[in-house]
Amino acid sequence: MDSGASHSFISARFASCLDVTPDCMSYIFDVSTRTRTSVYTDSIYRSCEMSMAGIPLYADLIVLPIHDFDVILGMDWLSAHRVRMDCYNKTVDFCLPDGTIF
């Protein structure tokens, strides 16, 4: 999870393990990296299922040629799933629309 990322991403290497074909976005996405370079992509995996505490959650993952991480869950995903991160206590709470907190 990266609260500094506006969107969620998947590494091209990790994405190649999926048995799904990515969609092509209608635009080229320009991503600024931490090294202040730009990476361009137009590939996205929509509605990828992930499981947190046995609960299925979904993410749209933009494909990037990154090497240090398989998946980065950014603010788009964190806000959609009402995630509360408590850095001091090192906890992450998910607050689902039905009131479930885990």
PDB file of N, CA and C in Angstrom:
ATOM      1  N   MET A   1       0.849  -1.166   0.000  1.00  0.00           N
ATOM      2  CA  MET A   1       0.000   0.000   0.000  1.00  0.00           C
ATOM      3  C   MET A   1       0.894   1.227   0.000  1.00  0.00           C
ATOM      4  N   ASP A   2       0.522   2.192  -0.827  1.00  0.00           N
ATOM      5  CA  ASP A   2       1.317   3.411  -0.950  1.00  0.00           C
ATOM      6  C   ASP A   2       0.381   4.602  -0.986  1.00  0.00           C
ATOM      7  N   SER A   3       0.271   5.303   0.137  1.00  0.00           N
ATOM      8  CA  SER A   3      -0.623   6.457   0.194  1.00  0.00           C
ATOM      9  C   SER A   3      -0.093   7.627  -0.630  1.00  0.00           C
ATOM     10  N   GLY A   4       1.139   7.523  -1.126  1.00  0.00           N
ATOM     11  CA  GLY A   4       1.699   8.561  -1.982  1.00  0.00           C
ATOM     12  C   GLY A   4       1.426   8.330  -3.460  1.00  0.00           C
ATOM     13  N   ALA A   5       0.850   7.175  -3.794  1.00  0.00           N
ATOM     14  CA  ALA A   5       0.528   6.864  -5.187  1.00  0.00           C
ATOM     15  C   ALA A   5      -0.936   7.184  -5.445  1.00  0.00           C
ATOM     16  N   SER A   6      -1.209   7.894  -6.512  1.00  0.00           N
ATOM     17  CA  SER A   6      -2.599   8.259  -6.828  1.00  0.00           C
ATOM     18  C   SER A   6      -3.388   7.084  -7.389  1.00  0.00           C
ATOM     19  N   HIS A   7      -2.696   6.152  -8.047  1.00  0.00           N
ATOM     20  CA  HIS A   7      -3.335   5.009  -8.687  1.00  0.00           C
ATOM     21  C   HIS A   7      -2.684   3.716  -8.202  1.00  0.00           C
ATOM     22  N   SER A   8      -3.241   2.590  -8.632  1.00  0.00           N
ATOM     23  CA  SER A   8      -2.708   1.284  -8.261  1.00  0.00           C
ATOM     24  C   SER A   8      -2.024   0.658  -9.469  1.00  0.00           C
ATOM     25  N   PHE A   9      -0.942  -0.092  -9.211  1.00  0.00           N
ATOM     26  CA  PHE A   9      -0.097  -0.590 -10.286  1.00  0.00           C
ATOM     27  C   PHE A   9       0.266  -2.052 -10.086  1.00  0.00           C
ATOM     28  N   ILE A  10       0.634  -2.700 -11.181  1.00  0.00           N
ATOM     29  CA  ILE A  10       1.140  -4.067 -11.163  1.00  0.00           C
ATOM     30  C   ILE A  10       2.385  -4.103 -12.038  1.00  0.00           C
ATOM     31  N   SER A  11       3.394  -4.841 -11.592  1.00  0.00           N
ATOM     32  CA  SER A  11       4.606  -4.943 -12.398  1.00  0.00           C
ATOM     33  C   SER A  11       4.319  -5.786 -13.640  1.00  0.00           C
ATOM     34  N   ALA A  12       4.945  -5.444 -14.731  1.00  0.00           N
ATOM     35  CA  ALA A  12       4.758  -6.182 -15.978  1.00  0.00           C
ATOM     36  C   ALA A  12       5.175  -7.643 -15.792  1.00  0.00           C
ATOM     37  N   ARG A  13       6.239  -7.876 -15.023  1.00  0.00           N
ATOM     38  CA  ARG A  13       6.712  -9.239 -14.770  1.00  0.00           C
ATOM     39  C   ARG A  13       5.667 -10.046 -14.008  1.00  0.00           C
ATOM     40  N   PHE A  14       5.105  -9.477 -12.958  1.00  0.00           N
ATOM     41  CA  PHE A  14       4.096 -10.174 -12.163  1.00  0.00           C
ATOM     42  C   PHE A  14       2.809 -10.364 -12.967  1.00  0.00           C
ATOM     43  N   ALA A  15       2.453  -9.361 -13.758  1.00  0.00           N
ATOM     44  CA  ALA A  15       1.241  -9.443 -14.587  1.00  0.00           C
ATOM     45  C   ALA A  15       1.330 -10.571 -15.595  1.00  0.00           C
ATOM     46  N   SER A  16       2.537 -10.891 -16.049  1.00  0.00           N
ATOM     47  CA  SER A  16       2.691 -11.968 -17.028  1.00  0.00           C
ATOM     48  C   SER A  16       2.310 -13.328 -16.433  1.00  0.00           C
ATOM     49  N   CYS A  17       2.220 -13.423 -15.117  1.00  0.00           N
ATOM     50  CA  CYS A  17       1.804 -14.663 -14.450  1.00  0.00           C
ATOM     51  C   CYS A  17       0.283 -14.821 -14.438  1.00  0.00           C
ATOM     52  N   LEU A  18      -0.439 -13.747 -14.732  1.00  0.00           N
ATOM     53  CA  LEU A  18      -1.896 -13.805 -14.737  1.00  0.00           C
ATOM     54  C   LEU A  18      -2.384 -14.472 -16.014  1.00  0.00           C
ATOM     55  N   ASP A  19      -3.487 -15.148 -15.920  1.00  0.00           N
ATOM     56  CA  ASP A  19      -4.076 -15.795 -17.091  1.00  0.00           C
ATOM     57  C   ASP A  19      -5.184 -14.909 -17.656  1.00  0.00           C
ATOM     58  N   VAL A  20      -4.864 -13.621 -17.809  1.00  0.00           N
ATOM     59  CA  VAL A  20      -5.832 -12.628 -18.266  1.00  0.00           C
ATOM     60  C   VAL A  20      -5.104 -11.661 -19.196  1.00  0.00           C
ATOM     61  N   THR A  21      -5.793 -11.165 -20.171  1.00  0.00           N
ATOM     62  CA  THR A  21      -5.229 -10.168 -21.079  1.00  0.00           C
ATOM     63  C   THR A  21      -5.597  -8.777 -20.578  1.00  0.00           C
ATOM     64  N   PRO A  22      -4.635  -7.860 -20.515  1.00  0.00           N
ATOM     65  CA  PRO A  22      -4.957  -6.517 -20.039  1.00  0.00           C
ATOM     66  C   PRO A  22      -5.798  -5.754 -21.068  1.00  0.00           C
ATOM     67  N   ASP A  23      -6.533  -4.782 -20.568  1.00  0.00           N
ATOM     68  CA  ASP A  23      -7.268  -3.872 -21.437  1.00  0.00           C
ATOM     69  C   ASP A  23      -6.342  -2.746 -21.863  1.00  0.00           C
ATOM     70  N   CYS A  24      -6.684  -2.130 -22.969  1.00  0.00           N
ATOM     71  CA  CYS A  24      -5.945  -0.964 -23.440  1.00  0.00           C
ATOM     72  C   CYS A  24      -6.735   0.281 -23.065  1.00  0.00           C
ATOM     73  N   MET A  25      -6.102   1.195 -22.330  1.00  0.00           N
ATOM     74  CA  MET A  25      -6.769   2.447 -21.964  1.00  0.00           C
ATOM     75  C   MET A  25      -6.902   3.315 -23.205  1.00  0.00           C
ATOM     76  N   SER A  26      -7.820   4.225 -23.183  1.00  0.00           N
ATOM     77  CA  SER A  26      -8.053   5.102 -24.338  1.00  0.00           C
ATOM     78  C   SER A  26      -7.059   6.260 -24.386  1.00  0.00           C
ATOM     79  N   TYR A  27      -6.081   6.235 -23.503  1.00  0.00           N
ATOM     80  CA  TYR A  27      -5.075   7.296 -23.443  1.00  0.00           C
ATOM     81  C   TYR A  27      -3.768   6.697 -22.947  1.00  0.00           C
ATOM     82  N   ILE A  28      -2.691   7.428 -23.127  1.00  0.00           N
ATOM     83  CA  ILE A  28      -1.383   7.023 -22.606  1.00  0.00           C
ATOM     84  C   ILE A  28      -1.252   7.643 -21.216  1.00  0.00           C
ATOM     85  N   PHE A  29      -0.949   6.811 -20.244  1.00  0.00           N
ATOM     86  CA  PHE A  29      -0.827   7.249 -18.860  1.00  0.00           C
ATOM     87  C   PHE A  29       0.635   7.558 -18.576  1.00  0.00           C
ATOM     88  N   ASP A  30       0.927   8.768 -18.109  1.00  0.00           N
ATOM     89  CA  ASP A  30       2.282   9.215 -17.794  1.00  0.00           C
ATOM     90  C   ASP A  30       2.458   9.144 -16.279  1.00  0.00           C
ATOM     91  N   VAL A  31       3.336   8.250 -15.819  1.00  0.00           N
ATOM     92  CA  VAL A  31       3.557   8.047 -14.392  1.00  0.00           C
ATOM     93  C   VAL A  31       4.915   8.612 -14.011  1.00  0.00           C
ATOM     94  N   SER A  32       4.928   9.507 -13.038  1.00  0.00           N
ATOM     95  CA  SER A  32       6.181  10.048 -12.519  1.00  0.00           C
ATOM     96  C   SER A  32       6.687   9.122 -11.426  1.00  0.00           C
ATOM     97  N   THR A  33       7.931   8.705 -11.539  1.00  0.00           N
ATOM     98  CA  THR A  33       8.509   7.789 -10.560  1.00  0.00           C
ATOM     99  C   THR A  33       9.239   8.563  -9.467  1.00  0.00           C
ATOM    100  N   ARG A  34       9.650   7.845  -8.447  1.00  0.00           N
ATOM    101  CA  ARG A  34      10.379   8.478  -7.336  1.00  0.00           C
ATOM    102  C   ARG A  34      11.739   9.011  -7.772  1.00  0.00           C
ATOM    103  N   THR A  35      12.271   8.474  -8.863  1.00  0.00           N
ATOM    104  CA  THR A  35      13.552   8.959  -9.377  1.00  0.00           C
ATOM    105  C   THR A  35      13.364  10.129 -10.342  1.00  0.00           C
ATOM    106  N   ARG A  36      12.138  10.647 -10.375  1.00  0.00           N
ATOM    107  CA  ARG A  36      11.785  11.812 -11.199  1.00  0.00           C
ATOM    108  C   ARG A  36      11.863  11.551 -12.694  1.00  0.00           C
ATOM    109  N   THR A  37      11.685  10.302 -13.094  1.00  0.00           N
ATOM    110  CA  THR A  37      11.587   9.970 -14.508  1.00  0.00           C
ATOM    111  C   THR A  37      10.125   9.659 -14.812  1.00  0.00           C
ATOM    112  N   SER A  38       9.781   9.632 -16.074  1.00  0.00           N
ATOM    113  CA  SER A  38       8.425   9.310 -16.484  1.00  0.00           C
ATOM    114  C   SER A  38       8.384   7.943 -17.139  1.00  0.00           C
ATOM    115  N   VAL A  39       7.318   7.210 -16.858  1.00  0.00           N
ATOM    116  CA  VAL A  39       7.064   5.921 -17.480  1.00  0.00           C
ATOM    117  C   VAL A  39       5.691   6.029 -18.132  1.00  0.00           C
ATOM    118  N   TYR A  40       5.563   5.544 -19.355  1.00  0.00           N
ATOM    119  CA  TYR A  40       4.310   5.647 -20.099  1.00  0.00           C
ATOM    120  C   TYR A  40       3.693   4.262 -20.276  1.00  0.00           C
ATOM    121  N   THR A  41       2.378   4.197 -20.128  1.00  0.00           N
ATOM    122  CA  THR A  41       1.678   2.928 -20.297  1.00  0.00           C
ATOM    123  C   THR A  41       0.251   3.173 -20.762  1.00  0.00           C
ATOM    124  N   ASP A  42      -0.316   2.177 -21.394  1.00  0.00           N
ATOM    125  CA  ASP A  42      -1.740   2.238 -21.747  1.00  0.00           C
ATOM    126  C   ASP A  42      -2.436   0.923 -21.419  1.00  0.00           C
ATOM    127  N   SER A  43      -1.777   0.081 -20.602  1.00  0.00           N
ATOM    128  CA  SER A  43      -2.326  -1.236 -20.255  1.00  0.00           C
ATOM    129  C   SER A  43      -2.835  -1.254 -18.823  1.00  0.00           C
ATOM    130  N   ILE A  44      -3.985  -1.897 -18.634  1.00  0.00           N
ATOM    131  CA  ILE A  44      -4.595  -1.975 -17.311  1.00  0.00           C
ATOM    132  C   ILE A  44      -5.323  -3.309 -17.154  1.00  0.00           C
ATOM    133  N   TYR A  45      -5.205  -3.871 -15.980  1.00  0.00           N
ATOM    134  CA  TYR A  45      -5.990  -5.051 -15.613  1.00  0.00           C
ATOM    135  C   TYR A  45      -7.137  -4.550 -14.751  1.00  0.00           C
ATOM    136  N   ARG A  46      -8.358  -4.737 -15.222  1.00  0.00           N
ATOM    137  CA  ARG A  46      -9.528  -4.226 -14.510  1.00  0.00           C
ATOM    138  C   ARG A  46     -10.110  -5.281 -13.568  1.00  0.00           C
ATOM    139  N   SER A  47     -10.562  -4.812 -12.429  1.00  0.00           N
ATOM    140  CA  SER A  47     -11.263  -5.645 -11.435  1.00  0.00           C
ATOM    141  C   SER A  47     -10.488  -6.896 -11.042  1.00  0.00           C
ATOM    142  N   CYS A  48      -9.214  -6.732 -10.725  1.00  0.00           N
ATOM    143  CA  CYS A  48      -8.409  -7.857 -10.239  1.00  0.00           C
ATOM    144  C   CYS A  48      -8.824  -8.178  -8.808  1.00  0.00           C
ATOM    145  N   GLU A  49      -9.140  -9.447  -8.572  1.00  0.00           N
ATOM    146  CA  GLU A  49      -9.570  -9.849  -7.235  1.00  0.00           C
ATOM    147  C   GLU A  49      -8.370 -10.119  -6.342  1.00  0.00           C
ATOM    148  N   MET A  50      -8.441  -9.557  -5.139  1.00  0.00           N
ATOM    149  CA  MET A  50      -7.467  -9.820  -4.086  1.00  0.00           C
ATOM    150  C   MET A  50      -8.248 -10.206  -2.854  1.00  0.00           C
ATOM    151  N   SER A  51      -7.612 -10.881  -1.952  1.00  0.00           N
ATOM    152  CA  SER A  51      -8.289 -11.294  -0.726  1.00  0.00           C
ATOM    153  C   SER A  51      -7.557 -10.712   0.471  1.00  0.00           C
ATOM    154  N   MET A  52      -8.293 -10.009   1.311  1.00  0.00           N
ATOM    155  CA  MET A  52      -7.759  -9.478   2.564  1.00  0.00           C
ATOM    156  C   MET A  52      -8.589 -10.076   3.687  1.00  0.00           C
ATOM    157  N   ALA A  53      -7.952 -10.824   4.564  1.00  0.00           N
ATOM    158  CA  ALA A  53      -8.645 -11.494   5.673  1.00  0.00           C
ATOM    159  C   ALA A  53      -9.799 -12.340   5.155  1.00  0.00           C
ATOM    160  N   GLY A  54      -9.596 -12.964   3.997  1.00  0.00           N
ATOM    161  CA  GLY A  54     -10.614 -13.844   3.425  1.00  0.00           C
ATOM    162  C   GLY A  54     -11.752 -13.117   2.733  1.00  0.00           C
ATOM    163  N   ILE A  55     -11.669 -11.795   2.634  1.00  0.00           N
ATOM    164  CA  ILE A  55     -12.716 -11.002   1.997  1.00  0.00           C
ATOM    165  C   ILE A  55     -12.209 -10.550   0.625  1.00  0.00           C
ATOM    166  N   PRO A  56     -12.961 -10.853  -0.439  1.00  0.00           N
ATOM    167  CA  PRO A  56     -12.507 -10.442  -1.774  1.00  0.00           C
ATOM    168  C   PRO A  56     -12.671  -8.936  -1.985  1.00  0.00           C
ATOM    169  N   LEU A  57     -11.611  -8.304  -2.456  1.00  0.00           N
ATOM    170  CA  LEU A  57     -11.615  -6.887  -2.802  1.00  0.00           C
ATOM    171  C   LEU A  57     -11.034  -6.769  -4.210  1.00  0.00           C
ATOM    172  N   TYR A  58     -11.404  -5.742  -4.938  1.00  0.00           N
ATOM    173  CA  TYR A  58     -11.037  -5.635  -6.349  1.00  0.00           C
ATOM    174  C   TYR A  58     -10.262  -4.349  -6.617  1.00  0.00           C
ATOM    175  N   ALA A  59      -9.358  -4.443  -7.595  1.00  0.00           N
ATOM    176  CA  ALA A  59      -8.534  -3.289  -7.956  1.00  0.00           C
ATOM    177  C   ALA A  59      -8.324  -3.240  -9.453  1.00  0.00           C
ATOM    178  N   ASP A  60      -8.280  -2.029  -9.987  1.00  0.00           N
ATOM    179  CA  ASP A  60      -7.835  -1.796 -11.356  1.00  0.00           C
ATOM    180  C   ASP A  60      -6.342  -1.515 -11.271  1.00  0.00           C
ATOM    181  N   LEU A  61      -5.537  -2.345 -11.930  1.00  0.00           N
ATOM    182  CA  LEU A  61      -4.084  -2.264 -11.816  1.00  0.00           C
ATOM    183  C   LEU A  61      -3.453  -1.866 -13.141  1.00  0.00           C
ATOM    184  N   ILE A  62      -2.759  -0.750 -13.127  1.00  0.00           N
ATOM    185  CA  ILE A  62      -2.079  -0.228 -14.302  1.00  0.00           C
ATOM    186  C   ILE A  62      -0.711  -0.905 -14.412  1.00  0.00           C
ATOM    187  N   VAL A  63      -0.373  -1.384 -15.595  1.00  0.00           N
ATOM    188  CA  VAL A  63       0.872  -2.127 -15.810  1.00  0.00           C
ATOM    189  C   VAL A  63       2.050  -1.159 -15.948  1.00  0.00           C
ATOM    190  N   LEU A  64       3.091  -1.426 -15.147  1.00  0.00           N
ATOM    191  CA  LEU A  64       4.314  -0.623 -15.209  1.00  0.00           C
ATOM    192  C   LEU A  64       5.539  -1.535 -15.207  1.00  0.00           C
ATOM    193  N   PRO A  65       6.640  -1.085 -15.817  1.00  0.00           N
ATOM    194  CA  PRO A  65       7.882  -1.864 -15.772  1.00  0.00           C
ATOM    195  C   PRO A  65       8.630  -1.596 -14.460  1.00  0.00           C
ATOM    196  N   ILE A  66       8.038  -2.021 -13.338  1.00  0.00           N
ATOM    197  CA  ILE A  66       8.675  -1.842 -12.037  1.00  0.00           C
ATOM    198  C   ILE A  66       9.272  -3.174 -11.587  1.00  0.00           C
ATOM    199  N   HIS A  67      10.286  -3.101 -10.715  1.00  0.00           N
ATOM    200  CA  HIS A  67      10.990  -4.312 -10.316  1.00  0.00           C
ATOM    201  C   HIS A  67      10.934  -4.569  -8.806  1.00  0.00           C
ATOM    202  N   ASP A  68      10.760  -3.538  -8.016  1.00  0.00           N
ATOM    203  CA  ASP A  68      10.842  -3.696  -6.568  1.00  0.00           C
ATOM    204  C   ASP A  68       9.562  -4.220  -5.926  1.00  0.00           C
ATOM    205  N   PHE A  69       8.426  -4.079  -6.615  1.00  0.00           N
ATOM    206  CA  PHE A  69       7.143  -4.485  -6.062  1.00  0.00           C
ATOM    207  C   PHE A  69       6.336  -5.230  -7.114  1.00  0.00           C
ATOM    208  N   ASP A  70       5.499  -6.168  -6.680  1.00  0.00           N
ATOM    209  CA  ASP A  70       4.597  -6.847  -7.600  1.00  0.00           C
ATOM    210  C   ASP A  70       3.346  -6.005  -7.832  1.00  0.00           C
ATOM    211  N   VAL A  71       2.782  -5.489  -6.746  1.00  0.00           N
ATOM    212  CA  VAL A  71       1.558  -4.681  -6.809  1.00  0.00           C
ATOM    213  C   VAL A  71       1.708  -3.500  -5.869  1.00  0.00           C
ATOM    214  N   ILE A  72       1.258  -2.334  -6.310  1.00  0.00           N
ATOM    215  CA  ILE A  72       1.187  -1.140  -5.466  1.00  0.00           C
ATOM    216  C   ILE A  72      -0.278  -0.731  -5.405  1.00  0.00           C
ATOM    217  N   LEU A  73      -0.832  -0.722  -4.217  1.00  0.00           N
ATOM    218  CA  LEU A  73      -2.214  -0.275  -4.033  1.00  0.00           C
ATOM    219  C   LEU A  73      -2.170   1.186  -3.605  1.00  0.00           C
ATOM    220  N   GLY A  74      -2.664   2.057  -4.482  1.00  0.00           N
ATOM    221  CA  GLY A  74      -2.588   3.492  -4.254  1.00  0.00           C
ATOM    222  C   GLY A  74      -3.863   4.080  -3.689  1.00  0.00           C
ATOM    223  N   MET A  75      -3.906   5.399  -3.673  1.00  0.00           N
ATOM    224  CA  MET A  75      -5.025   6.115  -3.061  1.00  0.00           C
ATOM    225  C   MET A  75      -6.363   5.810  -3.727  1.00  0.00           C
ATOM    226  N   ASP A  76      -6.385   5.507  -5.007  1.00  0.00           N
ATOM    227  CA  ASP A  76      -7.649   5.154  -5.655  1.00  0.00           C
ATOM    228  C   ASP A  76      -8.266   3.937  -4.977  1.00  0.00           C
ATOM    229  N   TRP A  77      -7.455   2.932  -4.708  1.00  0.00           N
ATOM    230  CA  TRP A  77      -7.921   1.701  -4.077  1.00  0.00           C
ATOM    231  C   TRP A  77      -8.146   1.896  -2.578  1.00  0.00           C
ATOM    232  N   LEU A  78      -7.218   2.578  -1.925  1.00  0.00           N
ATOM    233  CA  LEU A  78      -7.341   2.800  -0.481  1.00  0.00           C
ATOM    234  C   LEU A  78      -8.614   3.570  -0.145  1.00  0.00           C
ATOM    235  N   SER A  79      -8.922   4.604  -0.898  1.00  0.00           N
ATOM    236  CA  SER A  79     -10.132   5.389  -0.617  1.00  0.00           C
ATOM    237  C   SER A  79     -11.391   4.622  -0.997  1.00  0.00           C
ATOM    238  N   ALA A  80     -11.358   3.856  -2.090  1.00  0.00           N
ATOM    239  CA  ALA A  80     -12.532   3.080  -2.508  1.00  0.00           C
ATOM    240  C   ALA A  80     -12.901   2.025  -1.467  1.00  0.00           C
ATOM    241  N   HIS A  81     -11.911   1.523  -0.736  1.00  0.00           N
ATOM    242  CA  HIS A  81     -12.156   0.500   0.283  1.00  0.00           C
ATOM    243  C   HIS A  81     -12.125   1.078   1.691  1.00  0.00           C
ATOM    244  N   ARG A  82     -12.173   2.412   1.773  1.00  0.00           N
ATOM    245  CA  ARG A  82     -12.256   3.128   3.057  1.00  0.00           C
ATOM    246  C   ARG A  82     -11.200   2.657   4.053  1.00  0.00           C
ATOM    247  N   VAL A  83      -9.975   2.596   3.572  1.00  0.00           N
ATOM    248  CA  VAL A  83      -8.869   2.104   4.388  1.00  0.00           C
ATOM    249  C   VAL A  83      -8.384   3.209   5.328  1.00  0.00           C
ATOM    250  N   ARG A  84      -8.159   2.807   6.580  1.00  0.00           N
ATOM    251  CA  ARG A  84      -7.559   3.695   7.569  1.00  0.00           C
ATOM    252  C   ARG A  84      -6.225   3.097   7.974  1.00  0.00           C
ATOM    253  N   MET A  85      -5.159   3.855   7.743  1.00  0.00           N
ATOM    254  CA  MET A  85      -3.822   3.387   8.099  1.00  0.00           C
ATOM    255  C   MET A  85      -3.363   4.131   9.347  1.00  0.00           C
ATOM    256  N   ASP A  86      -2.985   3.391  10.378  1.00  0.00           N
ATOM    257  CA  ASP A  86      -2.479   3.965  11.616  1.00  0.00           C
ATOM    258  C   ASP A  86      -0.993   3.628  11.684  1.00  0.00           C
ATOM    259  N   CYS A  87      -0.176   4.564  11.269  1.00  0.00           N
ATOM    260  CA  CYS A  87       1.261   4.314  11.196  1.00  0.00           C
ATOM    261  C   CYS A  87       1.869   4.115  12.578  1.00  0.00           C
ATOM    262  N   TYR A  88       1.373   4.850  13.574  1.00  0.00           N
ATOM    263  CA  TYR A  88       1.925   4.726  14.916  1.00  0.00           C
ATOM    264  C   TYR A  88       1.724   3.317  15.468  1.00  0.00           C
ATOM    265  N   ASN A  89       0.507   2.793  15.324  1.00  0.00           N
ATOM    266  CA  ASN A  89       0.207   1.450  15.829  1.00  0.00           C
ATOM    267  C   ASN A  89       0.471   0.347  14.804  1.00  0.00           C
ATOM    268  N   LYS A  90       0.866   0.757  13.611  1.00  0.00           N
ATOM    269  CA  LYS A  90       1.172  -0.175  12.523  1.00  0.00           C
ATOM    270  C   LYS A  90      -0.007  -1.097  12.226  1.00  0.00           C
ATOM    271  N   THR A  91      -1.189  -0.477  12.037  1.00  0.00           N
ATOM    272  CA  THR A  91      -2.396  -1.236  11.710  1.00  0.00           C
ATOM    273  C   THR A  91      -3.059  -0.651  10.476  1.00  0.00           C
ATOM    274  N   VAL A  92      -3.822  -1.497   9.802  1.00  0.00           N
ATOM    275  CA  VAL A  92      -4.609  -1.084   8.642  1.00  0.00           C
ATOM    276  C   VAL A  92      -6.021  -1.610   8.857  1.00  0.00           C
ATOM    277  N   ASP A  93      -7.006  -0.718   8.815  1.00  0.00           N
ATOM    278  CA  ASP A  93      -8.409  -1.098   8.972  1.00  0.00           C
ATOM    279  C   ASP A  93      -9.149  -0.863   7.669  1.00  0.00           C
ATOM    280  N   PHE A  94      -9.956  -1.842   7.286  1.00  0.00           N
ATOM    281  CA  PHE A  94     -10.834  -1.724   6.133  1.00  0.00           C
ATOM    282  C   PHE A  94     -12.240  -1.497   6.675  1.00  0.00           C
ATOM    283  N   CYS A  95     -12.934  -0.490   6.178  1.00  0.00           N
ATOM    284  CA  CYS A  95     -14.271  -0.147   6.646  1.00  0.00           C
ATOM    285  C   CYS A  95     -15.216  -0.273   5.456  1.00  0.00           C
ATOM    286  N   LEU A  96     -15.855  -1.418   5.320  1.00  0.00           N
ATOM    287  CA  LEU A  96     -16.714  -1.671   4.165  1.00  0.00           C
ATOM    288  C   LEU A  96     -18.026  -0.902   4.278  1.00  0.00           C
ATOM    289  N   PRO A  97     -18.665  -0.613   3.151  1.00  0.00           N
ATOM    290  CA  PRO A  97     -19.922   0.169   3.147  1.00  0.00           C
ATOM    291  C   PRO A  97     -21.020  -0.416   4.032  1.00  0.00           C
ATOM    292  N   ASP A  98     -21.005  -1.747   4.239  1.00  0.00           N
ATOM    293  CA  ASP A  98     -22.035  -2.345   5.085  1.00  0.00           C
ATOM    294  C   ASP A  98     -21.738  -2.223   6.574  1.00  0.00           C
ATOM    295  N   GLY A  99     -20.630  -1.545   6.918  1.00  0.00           N
ATOM    296  CA  GLY A  99     -20.270  -1.341   8.327  1.00  0.00           C
ATOM    297  C   GLY A  99     -19.241  -2.328   8.835  1.00  0.00           C
ATOM    298  N   THR A 100     -18.916  -3.337   8.050  1.00  0.00           N
ATOM    299  CA  THR A 100     -17.908  -4.326   8.459  1.00  0.00           C
ATOM    300  C   THR A 100     -16.550  -3.663   8.536  1.00  0.00           C
ATOM    301  N   ILE A 101     -15.850  -3.878   9.640  1.00  0.00           N
ATOM    302  CA  ILE A 101     -14.477  -3.381   9.809  1.00  0.00           C
ATOM    303  C   ILE A 101     -13.593  -4.576  10.064  1.00  0.00           C
ATOM    304  N   PHE A 102     -12.493  -4.660   9.312  1.00  0.00           N
ATOM    305  CA  PHE A 102     -11.540  -5.747   9.558  1.00  0.00           C
ATOM    306  C   PHE A 102     -10.136  -5.243   9.364  1.00  0.00           C
TER     307      PHE A 102
END
